[in-house]
Amino acid sequence: MVELVGLAAGATLTLIVVALHYAKGTGWEAPEDISQEVLEQRAATVPETDFPEPYNRSIGGGGATAIPAGEAEGELGEGEEVEEEDKGFDPDDIADDEVEYYEIEFAKEGETIEVANNETILDAGEEEGWDLPYACREGQCISCAGHIEDGPAEDYIRHSNNDSLMDDDMEEGYCLTCVAYPTSEFTIETGESP
C-alpha cells in the first residue's frame, strides 16, 4: 500500500510541476509571417508574358527550349513594333477561291492526305484520327515539332506564329505543326524536334 500512495504522490507532484511550467509559459513566440512578402519578391523577378498555360498532353509538359545567351533575336525595346513580315500570316485572309490543296505524306502514320493551305498540319492529322503530339497550339513551344524530309521548312510551309524555332532549325527542315500551313507537297515525320 505504501508503494501505491508513493506512486500517486509522485504523479500528482509531476502534474503540478508541469501545469506550473506551462502556465508560466516558455517565452517562445512565433516569428512574423513573411510568406506573402517572399511571394511578392519572387513574382517581381519573373517577367510578364502573354503565354497561355499549355494544354499538356505529354509527359514533360510544353517542351520549352532555352536560347543561348546573346542569340535572342527579335527582342523589342519599349515603343518598338513588330514588323509585318515577322508576324507570320493569317490563314483567315485566304479567300475561298484562293484555297489550294497539297498532298502531304505523314511518314510515321504511313498515309498521304490532302491538306488545304489554310489548314494546319496538326489539324489535318487530327481530322484523320491520329494522336499527334502538341501542347500550346500557338507556336510557343516545340511539343508539336515535325521534320520535313524534303528540305528547308520554309520551302514547304509557312508559320502563322513561330516563337520557338531558330532559323537554323527551319533550314534543317523542322516546323511547328500546330501553326504550319503547307505551300507545297512534302513528307513529314511528326513528333521530331531539333
N, C-alpha and C. Protein backbone atom coordinates (compact mmCIF):
# COMPACT_ATOMS: atom_id res chain seq x y z
N MET A 1 0.80 -1.18 0.00
CA MET A 1 0.00 0.00 0.00
C MET A 1 0.86 1.27 0.00
N VAL A 2 1.98 1.17 0.64
CA VAL A 2 2.88 2.31 0.69
C VAL A 2 3.33 2.66 -0.73
N GLU A 3 3.57 1.67 -1.52
CA GLU A 3 4.02 1.92 -2.89
C GLU A 3 2.95 2.65 -3.69
N LEU A 4 1.69 2.28 -3.49
CA LEU A 4 0.61 2.91 -4.24
C LEU A 4 0.46 4.38 -3.82
N VAL A 5 0.60 4.69 -2.54
CA VAL A 5 0.50 6.06 -2.06
C VAL A 5 1.68 6.87 -2.60
N GLY A 6 2.85 6.31 -2.60
CA GLY A 6 4.05 7.00 -3.11
C GLY A 6 3.94 7.27 -4.60
N LEU A 7 3.42 6.31 -5.33
CA LEU A 7 3.24 6.46 -6.77
C LEU A 7 2.23 7.57 -7.07
N ALA A 8 1.12 7.60 -6.35
CA ALA A 8 0.09 8.63 -6.54
C ALA A 8 0.64 10.00 -6.18
N ALA A 9 1.42 10.10 -5.11
CA ALA A 9 2.00 11.37 -4.70
C ALA A 9 3.00 11.86 -5.75
N GLY A 10 3.79 10.97 -6.31
CA GLY A 10 4.77 11.33 -7.35
C GLY A 10 4.08 11.83 -8.61
N ALA A 11 3.01 11.14 -9.02
CA ALA A 11 2.27 11.54 -10.22
C ALA A 11 1.61 12.89 -10.01
N THR A 12 1.05 13.12 -8.82
CA THR A 12 0.40 14.39 -8.52
C THR A 12 1.42 15.53 -8.53
N LEU A 13 2.58 15.30 -7.92
CA LEU A 13 3.63 16.31 -7.89
C LEU A 13 4.12 16.63 -9.31
N THR A 14 4.26 15.61 -10.13
CA THR A 14 4.70 15.80 -11.52
C THR A 14 3.68 16.63 -12.29
N LEU A 15 2.40 16.33 -12.13
CA LEU A 15 1.35 17.08 -12.81
C LEU A 15 1.34 18.54 -12.37
N ILE A 16 1.58 18.79 -11.09
CA ILE A 16 1.61 20.17 -10.59
C ILE A 16 2.77 20.94 -11.19
N VAL A 17 3.95 20.32 -11.28
CA VAL A 17 5.14 20.97 -11.85
C VAL A 17 4.91 21.27 -13.34
N VAL A 18 4.36 20.32 -14.06
CA VAL A 18 4.10 20.52 -15.49
C VAL A 18 3.07 21.63 -15.70
N ALA A 19 2.01 21.64 -14.90
CA ALA A 19 0.98 22.67 -15.01
C ALA A 19 1.56 24.06 -14.74
N LEU A 20 2.40 24.17 -13.69
CA LEU A 20 3.03 25.46 -13.39
C LEU A 20 3.96 25.90 -14.52
N HIS A 21 4.68 24.97 -15.09
CA HIS A 21 5.60 25.29 -16.19
C HIS A 21 4.84 25.88 -17.39
N TYR A 22 3.76 25.22 -17.79
CA TYR A 22 3.01 25.69 -18.95
C TYR A 22 2.18 26.93 -18.63
N ALA A 23 1.78 27.11 -17.39
CA ALA A 23 1.04 28.31 -17.01
C ALA A 23 1.93 29.53 -17.10
N LYS A 24 3.16 29.38 -16.72
CA LYS A 24 4.13 30.47 -16.77
C LYS A 24 4.54 30.75 -18.21
N GLY A 25 4.55 29.73 -19.08
CA GLY A 25 4.95 29.90 -20.48
C GLY A 25 6.42 29.63 -20.69
N THR A 26 6.79 29.44 -21.93
CA THR A 26 8.18 29.13 -22.25
C THR A 26 8.96 30.34 -22.71
N GLY A 27 8.24 31.43 -23.03
CA GLY A 27 8.94 32.61 -23.52
C GLY A 27 9.13 32.61 -25.03
N TRP A 28 8.78 31.51 -25.70
CA TRP A 28 8.95 31.42 -27.15
C TRP A 28 7.76 32.05 -27.85
N GLU A 29 8.02 32.87 -28.87
CA GLU A 29 6.96 33.47 -29.67
C GLU A 29 7.18 33.11 -31.14
N ALA A 30 6.08 32.90 -31.85
CA ALA A 30 6.16 32.57 -33.27
C ALA A 30 6.67 33.77 -34.06
N PRO A 31 7.57 33.52 -35.04
CA PRO A 31 8.07 34.64 -35.84
C PRO A 31 6.96 35.20 -36.74
N GLU A 32 7.17 36.42 -37.20
CA GLU A 32 6.20 37.10 -38.07
C GLU A 32 6.06 36.31 -39.38
N ASP A 33 4.84 36.22 -39.91
CA ASP A 33 4.58 35.51 -41.16
C ASP A 33 5.06 36.37 -42.33
N ILE A 34 6.09 35.88 -43.04
CA ILE A 34 6.65 36.64 -44.16
C ILE A 34 6.37 35.96 -45.50
N SER A 35 5.49 34.98 -45.52
CA SER A 35 5.26 34.23 -46.75
C SER A 35 4.74 35.11 -47.88
N GLN A 36 3.84 36.03 -47.60
CA GLN A 36 3.30 36.90 -48.65
C GLN A 36 4.40 37.80 -49.20
N GLU A 37 5.25 38.31 -48.34
CA GLU A 37 6.36 39.16 -48.78
C GLU A 37 7.33 38.39 -49.69
N VAL A 38 7.62 37.14 -49.35
CA VAL A 38 8.51 36.31 -50.17
C VAL A 38 7.88 36.05 -51.53
N LEU A 39 6.59 35.75 -51.57
CA LEU A 39 5.91 35.51 -52.85
C LEU A 39 5.93 36.76 -53.72
N GLU A 40 5.72 37.91 -53.15
CA GLU A 40 5.75 39.16 -53.91
C GLU A 40 7.14 39.45 -54.46
N GLN A 41 8.18 39.16 -53.68
CA GLN A 41 9.55 39.36 -54.16
C GLN A 41 9.86 38.42 -55.32
N ARG A 42 9.44 37.17 -55.22
CA ARG A 42 9.66 36.22 -56.31
C ARG A 42 8.91 36.63 -57.56
N ALA A 43 7.66 37.06 -57.40
CA ALA A 43 6.85 37.47 -58.55
C ALA A 43 7.46 38.68 -59.25
N ALA A 44 8.11 39.55 -58.50
CA ALA A 44 8.73 40.73 -59.10
C ALA A 44 9.92 40.38 -59.98
N THR A 45 10.55 39.23 -59.75
CA THR A 45 11.72 38.85 -60.54
C THR A 45 11.36 38.08 -61.80
N VAL A 46 10.10 37.66 -61.97
CA VAL A 46 9.67 36.90 -63.14
C VAL A 46 9.05 37.85 -64.15
N PRO A 47 9.55 37.86 -65.41
CA PRO A 47 8.98 38.78 -66.39
C PRO A 47 7.56 38.38 -66.78
N GLU A 48 6.74 39.37 -67.08
CA GLU A 48 5.37 39.14 -67.51
C GLU A 48 5.38 38.60 -68.94
N THR A 49 4.50 37.63 -69.23
CA THR A 49 4.36 37.10 -70.59
C THR A 49 2.88 37.00 -70.93
N ASP A 50 2.61 36.86 -72.21
CA ASP A 50 1.24 36.66 -72.67
C ASP A 50 0.99 35.19 -72.98
N PHE A 51 1.93 34.31 -72.61
CA PHE A 51 1.80 32.90 -72.94
C PHE A 51 0.67 32.27 -72.13
N PRO A 52 -0.20 31.52 -72.77
CA PRO A 52 -1.23 30.80 -72.01
C PRO A 52 -0.62 29.57 -71.37
N GLU A 53 -1.29 29.05 -70.38
CA GLU A 53 -0.84 27.80 -69.80
C GLU A 53 -1.00 26.71 -70.85
N PRO A 54 -0.01 25.85 -71.02
CA PRO A 54 -0.13 24.81 -72.06
C PRO A 54 -1.16 23.76 -71.69
N TYR A 55 -1.76 23.22 -72.74
CA TYR A 55 -2.70 22.13 -72.57
C TYR A 55 -1.89 20.84 -72.69
N ASN A 56 -1.10 20.57 -71.68
CA ASN A 56 -0.16 19.46 -71.75
C ASN A 56 -0.85 18.12 -71.90
N ARG A 57 -0.42 17.38 -72.92
CA ARG A 57 -0.92 16.04 -73.14
C ARG A 57 0.21 15.03 -73.03
N SER A 58 1.42 15.52 -72.94
CA SER A 58 2.54 14.60 -72.91
C SER A 58 3.29 14.74 -71.61
N ILE A 59 4.01 13.69 -71.25
CA ILE A 59 4.84 13.74 -70.05
C ILE A 59 5.95 14.74 -70.30
N GLY A 60 6.19 15.61 -69.35
CA GLY A 60 7.25 16.59 -69.52
C GLY A 60 6.72 17.95 -69.91
N GLY A 61 5.45 18.07 -70.24
CA GLY A 61 4.86 19.37 -70.49
C GLY A 61 5.19 19.95 -71.83
N GLY A 62 5.33 21.28 -71.84
CA GLY A 62 5.41 22.05 -73.07
C GLY A 62 6.69 21.94 -73.84
N GLY A 63 7.75 21.40 -73.27
CA GLY A 63 9.00 21.21 -74.01
C GLY A 63 9.65 22.51 -74.41
N ALA A 64 9.70 23.48 -73.52
CA ALA A 64 10.30 24.76 -73.86
C ALA A 64 11.78 24.60 -74.11
N THR A 65 12.31 25.44 -74.98
CA THR A 65 13.73 25.37 -75.31
C THR A 65 14.44 26.58 -74.74
N ALA A 66 15.69 26.41 -74.40
CA ALA A 66 16.49 27.52 -73.89
C ALA A 66 17.20 28.18 -75.05
N ILE A 67 17.32 29.51 -74.99
CA ILE A 67 18.04 30.26 -76.01
C ILE A 67 19.37 30.66 -75.41
N PRO A 68 20.48 30.24 -76.04
CA PRO A 68 21.79 30.59 -75.51
C PRO A 68 21.97 32.10 -75.41
N ALA A 69 22.76 32.53 -74.44
CA ALA A 69 22.98 33.95 -74.22
C ALA A 69 23.52 34.62 -75.48
N GLY A 70 22.99 35.77 -75.79
CA GLY A 70 23.45 36.53 -76.94
C GLY A 70 22.84 36.11 -78.26
N GLU A 71 21.99 35.09 -78.27
CA GLU A 71 21.43 34.62 -79.52
C GLU A 71 19.95 34.94 -79.66
N ALA A 72 19.39 35.67 -78.70
CA ALA A 72 17.97 36.01 -78.80
C ALA A 72 17.77 37.01 -79.91
N GLU A 73 16.89 36.68 -80.83
CA GLU A 73 16.62 37.56 -81.95
C GLU A 73 15.24 38.17 -81.79
N GLY A 74 15.09 39.36 -82.30
CA GLY A 74 13.77 39.96 -82.34
C GLY A 74 13.28 40.53 -81.03
N GLU A 75 14.15 40.75 -80.06
CA GLU A 75 13.69 41.34 -78.81
C GLU A 75 13.41 42.81 -79.06
N LEU A 76 12.29 43.27 -78.55
CA LEU A 76 11.86 44.62 -78.81
C LEU A 76 12.15 45.52 -77.63
N GLY A 77 12.54 46.75 -77.92
CA GLY A 77 12.69 47.75 -76.89
C GLY A 77 11.33 48.40 -76.68
N GLU A 78 11.27 49.31 -75.71
CA GLU A 78 9.99 49.97 -75.45
C GLU A 78 9.59 50.80 -76.65
N GLY A 79 8.31 50.75 -77.00
CA GLY A 79 7.79 51.56 -78.08
C GLY A 79 8.00 50.99 -79.47
N GLU A 80 8.79 49.93 -79.62
CA GLU A 80 9.01 49.35 -80.94
C GLU A 80 7.86 48.42 -81.30
N GLU A 81 7.60 48.31 -82.58
CA GLU A 81 6.54 47.43 -83.04
C GLU A 81 7.13 46.30 -83.89
N VAL A 82 6.41 45.19 -83.94
CA VAL A 82 6.84 44.06 -84.75
C VAL A 82 6.60 44.38 -86.22
N GLU A 83 7.59 44.11 -87.07
CA GLU A 83 7.41 44.32 -88.49
C GLU A 83 6.39 43.33 -89.03
N GLU A 84 5.70 43.70 -90.08
CA GLU A 84 4.63 42.89 -90.64
C GLU A 84 5.13 41.50 -91.04
N GLU A 85 6.34 41.40 -91.63
CA GLU A 85 6.82 40.10 -92.09
C GLU A 85 7.17 39.16 -90.94
N ASP A 86 7.49 39.69 -89.74
CA ASP A 86 7.83 38.85 -88.61
C ASP A 86 6.60 38.28 -87.91
N LYS A 87 5.43 38.84 -88.17
CA LYS A 87 4.22 38.39 -87.50
C LYS A 87 3.72 37.06 -88.03
N GLY A 88 4.17 36.61 -89.16
CA GLY A 88 3.60 35.42 -89.77
C GLY A 88 2.47 35.87 -90.68
N PHE A 89 1.50 35.03 -90.88
CA PHE A 89 0.38 35.41 -91.73
C PHE A 89 -0.91 34.89 -91.12
N ASP A 90 -2.01 35.40 -91.58
CA ASP A 90 -3.31 35.00 -91.07
C ASP A 90 -3.99 34.13 -92.12
N PRO A 91 -4.18 32.84 -91.85
CA PRO A 91 -4.80 31.96 -92.85
C PRO A 91 -6.25 32.34 -93.15
N ASP A 92 -6.89 33.09 -92.24
CA ASP A 92 -8.26 33.53 -92.49
C ASP A 92 -8.33 34.57 -93.61
N ASP A 93 -7.17 35.17 -93.95
CA ASP A 93 -7.14 36.15 -95.04
C ASP A 93 -7.16 35.50 -96.42
N ILE A 94 -7.00 34.18 -96.48
CA ILE A 94 -7.01 33.48 -97.77
C ILE A 94 -8.47 33.37 -98.24
N ALA A 95 -8.75 33.95 -99.39
CA ALA A 95 -10.11 33.91 -99.93
C ALA A 95 -10.46 32.48 -100.33
N ASP A 96 -11.76 32.16 -100.31
CA ASP A 96 -12.22 30.81 -100.64
C ASP A 96 -11.76 30.36 -102.03
N ASP A 97 -11.72 31.29 -102.99
CA ASP A 97 -11.31 30.90 -104.34
C ASP A 97 -9.79 30.79 -104.49
N GLU A 98 -9.04 31.13 -103.43
CA GLU A 98 -7.58 31.02 -103.45
C GLU A 98 -7.05 29.85 -102.63
N VAL A 99 -7.95 29.07 -102.04
CA VAL A 99 -7.53 27.92 -101.24
C VAL A 99 -6.97 26.85 -102.16
N GLU A 100 -5.77 26.38 -101.83
CA GLU A 100 -5.11 25.32 -102.60
C GLU A 100 -4.92 24.11 -101.71
N TYR A 101 -4.85 22.92 -102.32
CA TYR A 101 -4.68 21.68 -101.58
C TYR A 101 -3.38 21.01 -102.00
N TYR A 102 -2.68 20.44 -101.01
CA TYR A 102 -1.41 19.79 -101.26
C TYR A 102 -1.42 18.38 -100.68
N GLU A 103 -0.75 17.45 -101.37
CA GLU A 103 -0.60 16.08 -100.89
C GLU A 103 0.54 16.06 -99.87
N ILE A 104 0.22 15.77 -98.62
CA ILE A 104 1.22 15.72 -97.55
C ILE A 104 1.32 14.27 -97.08
N GLU A 105 2.53 13.73 -97.13
CA GLU A 105 2.75 12.35 -96.66
C GLU A 105 3.20 12.39 -95.21
N PHE A 106 2.46 11.71 -94.35
CA PHE A 106 2.82 11.57 -92.94
C PHE A 106 3.58 10.25 -92.81
N ALA A 107 4.91 10.34 -92.67
CA ALA A 107 5.77 9.15 -92.72
C ALA A 107 5.44 8.14 -91.62
N LYS A 108 5.32 8.58 -90.38
CA LYS A 108 5.08 7.65 -89.27
C LYS A 108 3.70 7.01 -89.33
N GLU A 109 2.74 7.75 -89.88
CA GLU A 109 1.38 7.23 -89.98
C GLU A 109 1.22 6.37 -91.24
N GLY A 110 2.16 6.51 -92.19
CA GLY A 110 2.13 5.70 -93.41
C GLY A 110 1.01 6.07 -94.36
N GLU A 111 0.56 7.32 -94.33
CA GLU A 111 -0.53 7.74 -95.21
C GLU A 111 -0.23 9.11 -95.80
N THR A 112 -0.84 9.38 -96.95
CA THR A 112 -0.77 10.68 -97.60
C THR A 112 -2.17 11.25 -97.65
N ILE A 113 -2.31 12.52 -97.23
CA ILE A 113 -3.62 13.16 -97.23
C ILE A 113 -3.53 14.53 -97.89
N GLU A 114 -4.67 15.06 -98.29
CA GLU A 114 -4.74 16.40 -98.84
C GLU A 114 -4.93 17.39 -97.71
N VAL A 115 -4.10 18.45 -97.74
CA VAL A 115 -4.19 19.49 -96.71
C VAL A 115 -4.31 20.84 -97.42
N ALA A 116 -5.30 21.64 -97.00
CA ALA A 116 -5.51 22.96 -97.58
C ALA A 116 -4.47 23.94 -97.05
N ASN A 117 -4.20 25.00 -97.84
CA ASN A 117 -3.20 25.97 -97.40
C ASN A 117 -3.72 26.91 -96.32
N ASN A 118 -4.98 26.72 -95.90
CA ASN A 118 -5.50 27.49 -94.76
C ASN A 118 -5.81 26.57 -93.58
N GLU A 119 -5.18 25.39 -93.56
CA GLU A 119 -5.36 24.40 -92.50
C GLU A 119 -3.98 23.98 -91.99
N THR A 120 -3.84 23.85 -90.66
CA THR A 120 -2.53 23.46 -90.12
C THR A 120 -2.28 21.97 -90.33
N ILE A 121 -1.03 21.61 -90.33
CA ILE A 121 -0.62 20.21 -90.46
C ILE A 121 -1.20 19.40 -89.29
N LEU A 122 -1.16 19.97 -88.09
CA LEU A 122 -1.69 19.29 -86.89
C LEU A 122 -3.19 19.04 -87.02
N ASP A 123 -3.95 20.06 -87.41
CA ASP A 123 -5.40 19.91 -87.54
C ASP A 123 -5.76 18.85 -88.58
N ALA A 124 -5.04 18.86 -89.70
CA ALA A 124 -5.32 17.87 -90.75
C ALA A 124 -5.08 16.45 -90.25
N GLY A 125 -3.98 16.25 -89.50
CA GLY A 125 -3.69 14.94 -88.94
C GLY A 125 -4.73 14.50 -87.92
N GLU A 126 -5.17 15.42 -87.10
CA GLU A 126 -6.18 15.09 -86.10
C GLU A 126 -7.52 14.75 -86.74
N GLU A 127 -7.83 15.40 -87.87
CA GLU A 127 -9.08 15.07 -88.57
C GLU A 127 -9.05 13.63 -89.10
N GLU A 128 -7.85 13.11 -89.31
CA GLU A 128 -7.71 11.72 -89.74
C GLU A 128 -7.81 10.75 -88.56
N GLY A 129 -7.87 11.29 -87.35
CA GLY A 129 -7.97 10.46 -86.15
C GLY A 129 -6.62 10.09 -85.55
N TRP A 130 -5.56 10.72 -86.00
CA TRP A 130 -4.22 10.42 -85.48
C TRP A 130 -3.99 11.22 -84.20
N ASP A 131 -3.33 10.60 -83.23
CA ASP A 131 -2.99 11.25 -81.97
C ASP A 131 -1.60 11.87 -82.10
N LEU A 132 -1.55 13.08 -82.62
CA LEU A 132 -0.27 13.77 -82.84
C LEU A 132 0.09 14.60 -81.61
N PRO A 133 1.40 14.74 -81.33
CA PRO A 133 1.81 15.49 -80.13
C PRO A 133 1.61 17.00 -80.28
N TYR A 134 1.21 17.65 -79.21
CA TYR A 134 1.12 19.11 -79.15
C TYR A 134 0.96 19.53 -77.70
N ALA A 135 1.12 20.83 -77.44
CA ALA A 135 0.87 21.37 -76.09
C ALA A 135 0.15 22.71 -76.20
N CYS A 136 0.82 23.76 -76.70
CA CYS A 136 0.25 25.11 -76.62
C CYS A 136 -0.65 25.47 -77.79
N ARG A 137 -0.45 24.89 -78.95
CA ARG A 137 -1.21 25.19 -80.18
C ARG A 137 -1.06 26.65 -80.62
N GLU A 138 0.02 27.29 -80.21
CA GLU A 138 0.22 28.70 -80.56
C GLU A 138 1.64 28.98 -81.06
N GLY A 139 2.44 27.96 -81.31
CA GLY A 139 3.79 28.17 -81.81
C GLY A 139 4.76 28.67 -80.77
N GLN A 140 4.47 28.42 -79.49
CA GLN A 140 5.30 28.94 -78.42
C GLN A 140 6.09 27.86 -77.70
N CYS A 141 6.00 26.62 -78.16
CA CYS A 141 6.80 25.54 -77.60
C CYS A 141 7.18 24.62 -78.77
N ILE A 142 7.85 23.53 -78.51
CA ILE A 142 8.21 22.63 -79.60
C ILE A 142 7.60 21.24 -79.44
N SER A 143 6.54 21.15 -78.64
CA SER A 143 5.91 19.84 -78.42
C SER A 143 5.35 19.25 -79.71
N CYS A 144 4.91 20.09 -80.63
CA CYS A 144 4.28 19.61 -81.87
C CYS A 144 5.27 19.53 -83.03
N ALA A 145 6.54 19.77 -82.79
CA ALA A 145 7.52 19.87 -83.88
C ALA A 145 7.52 18.63 -84.77
N GLY A 146 7.76 18.87 -86.05
CA GLY A 146 7.88 17.81 -87.03
C GLY A 146 9.05 18.10 -87.94
N HIS A 147 9.49 17.08 -88.68
CA HIS A 147 10.64 17.24 -89.57
C HIS A 147 10.22 16.97 -91.01
N ILE A 148 10.43 17.96 -91.86
CA ILE A 148 10.15 17.82 -93.29
C ILE A 148 11.40 17.23 -93.93
N GLU A 149 11.25 16.04 -94.50
CA GLU A 149 12.40 15.31 -95.03
C GLU A 149 12.92 15.87 -96.34
N ASP A 150 12.10 16.67 -97.03
CA ASP A 150 12.45 17.11 -98.39
C ASP A 150 13.36 18.32 -98.47
N GLY A 151 13.62 19.00 -97.35
CA GLY A 151 14.50 20.16 -97.39
C GLY A 151 14.11 21.20 -96.35
N PRO A 152 14.59 22.45 -96.53
CA PRO A 152 14.28 23.51 -95.57
C PRO A 152 12.77 23.72 -95.43
N ALA A 153 12.32 23.89 -94.22
CA ALA A 153 10.89 24.02 -93.93
C ALA A 153 10.26 25.19 -94.68
N GLU A 154 10.99 26.30 -94.80
CA GLU A 154 10.43 27.49 -95.45
C GLU A 154 10.06 27.25 -96.91
N ASP A 155 10.63 26.20 -97.53
CA ASP A 155 10.31 25.89 -98.92
C ASP A 155 8.96 25.18 -99.04
N TYR A 156 8.41 24.66 -97.93
CA TYR A 156 7.22 23.82 -97.99
C TYR A 156 6.05 24.30 -97.13
N ILE A 157 6.35 25.11 -96.11
CA ILE A 157 5.29 25.58 -95.21
C ILE A 157 5.53 27.04 -94.86
N ARG A 158 4.53 27.64 -94.24
CA ARG A 158 4.74 28.94 -93.60
C ARG A 158 4.01 28.90 -92.26
N HIS A 159 4.63 29.55 -91.28
CA HIS A 159 4.08 29.57 -89.92
C HIS A 159 3.23 30.83 -89.73
N SER A 160 2.12 30.68 -89.02
CA SER A 160 1.36 31.86 -88.63
C SER A 160 1.99 32.51 -87.40
N ASN A 161 2.77 31.72 -86.65
CA ASN A 161 3.48 32.22 -85.47
C ASN A 161 4.62 31.24 -85.20
N ASN A 162 5.78 31.75 -84.84
CA ASN A 162 6.91 30.88 -84.52
C ASN A 162 7.76 31.57 -83.47
N ASP A 163 7.55 31.18 -82.21
CA ASP A 163 8.33 31.75 -81.12
C ASP A 163 9.41 30.79 -80.63
N SER A 164 9.53 29.61 -81.23
CA SER A 164 10.41 28.58 -80.67
C SER A 164 11.54 28.13 -81.58
N LEU A 165 11.30 28.04 -82.87
CA LEU A 165 12.33 27.52 -83.77
C LEU A 165 13.26 28.63 -84.25
N MET A 166 14.54 28.32 -84.28
CA MET A 166 15.55 29.24 -84.80
C MET A 166 15.62 29.06 -86.32
N ASP A 167 16.26 30.00 -86.99
CA ASP A 167 16.43 29.91 -88.45
C ASP A 167 17.17 28.64 -88.84
N ASP A 168 18.18 28.24 -88.03
CA ASP A 168 18.95 27.03 -88.33
C ASP A 168 18.06 25.79 -88.28
N ASP A 169 17.14 25.75 -87.31
CA ASP A 169 16.22 24.61 -87.19
C ASP A 169 15.35 24.51 -88.43
N MET A 170 14.86 25.64 -88.90
CA MET A 170 14.00 25.63 -90.09
C MET A 170 14.79 25.26 -91.34
N GLU A 171 16.05 25.66 -91.39
CA GLU A 171 16.91 25.26 -92.52
C GLU A 171 17.07 23.74 -92.56
N GLU A 172 17.07 23.12 -91.39
CA GLU A 172 17.22 21.67 -91.30
C GLU A 172 15.90 20.94 -91.53
N GLY A 173 14.79 21.69 -91.75
CA GLY A 173 13.52 21.07 -92.09
C GLY A 173 12.53 20.94 -90.95
N TYR A 174 12.80 21.55 -89.80
CA TYR A 174 11.88 21.43 -88.67
C TYR A 174 10.79 22.50 -88.76
N CYS A 175 9.59 22.14 -88.32
CA CYS A 175 8.47 23.08 -88.30
C CYS A 175 7.60 22.80 -87.08
N LEU A 176 6.71 23.74 -86.79
CA LEU A 176 5.75 23.59 -85.70
C LEU A 176 4.40 23.26 -86.33
N THR A 177 3.98 22.01 -86.23
CA THR A 177 2.79 21.56 -86.96
C THR A 177 1.52 22.27 -86.53
N CYS A 178 1.48 22.83 -85.32
CA CYS A 178 0.25 23.49 -84.84
C CYS A 178 0.01 24.82 -85.53
N VAL A 179 1.05 25.43 -86.12
CA VAL A 179 0.91 26.72 -86.79
C VAL A 179 1.52 26.70 -88.19
N ALA A 180 1.76 25.48 -88.75
CA ALA A 180 2.38 25.33 -90.07
C ALA A 180 1.31 25.07 -91.12
N TYR A 181 1.32 25.89 -92.17
CA TYR A 181 0.38 25.77 -93.28
C TYR A 181 1.16 25.40 -94.53
N PRO A 182 0.73 24.41 -95.30
CA PRO A 182 1.50 23.96 -96.46
C PRO A 182 1.48 24.97 -97.61
N THR A 183 2.61 25.02 -98.33
CA THR A 183 2.70 25.82 -99.55
C THR A 183 3.14 24.95 -100.71
N SER A 184 3.38 23.66 -100.44
CA SER A 184 3.83 22.72 -101.46
C SER A 184 3.61 21.30 -100.92
N GLU A 185 3.87 20.29 -101.75
CA GLU A 185 3.77 18.90 -101.31
C GLU A 185 5.07 18.48 -100.64
N PHE A 186 4.98 17.65 -99.60
CA PHE A 186 6.18 17.20 -98.89
C PHE A 186 5.86 15.99 -98.02
N THR A 187 6.92 15.43 -97.43
CA THR A 187 6.81 14.32 -96.47
C THR A 187 7.25 14.83 -95.12
N ILE A 188 6.46 14.51 -94.09
CA ILE A 188 6.79 14.99 -92.74
C ILE A 188 6.80 13.84 -91.76
N GLU A 189 7.75 13.90 -90.81
CA GLU A 189 7.79 12.97 -89.68
C GLU A 189 7.34 13.76 -88.46
N THR A 190 6.19 13.41 -87.92
CA THR A 190 5.67 14.11 -86.75
C THR A 190 6.38 13.63 -85.50
N GLY A 191 6.34 14.45 -84.46
CA GLY A 191 6.97 14.07 -83.19
C GLY A 191 8.50 14.13 -83.23
N GLU A 192 9.07 14.90 -84.15
CA GLU A 192 10.51 15.05 -84.26
C GLU A 192 10.88 16.50 -83.97
N SER A 193 11.74 16.73 -82.98
CA SER A 193 12.13 18.08 -82.65
C SER A 193 13.64 18.25 -82.80
N PRO A 194 14.07 19.50 -82.99
CA PRO A 194 15.52 19.76 -83.19
C PRO A 194 16.33 19.47 -81.95
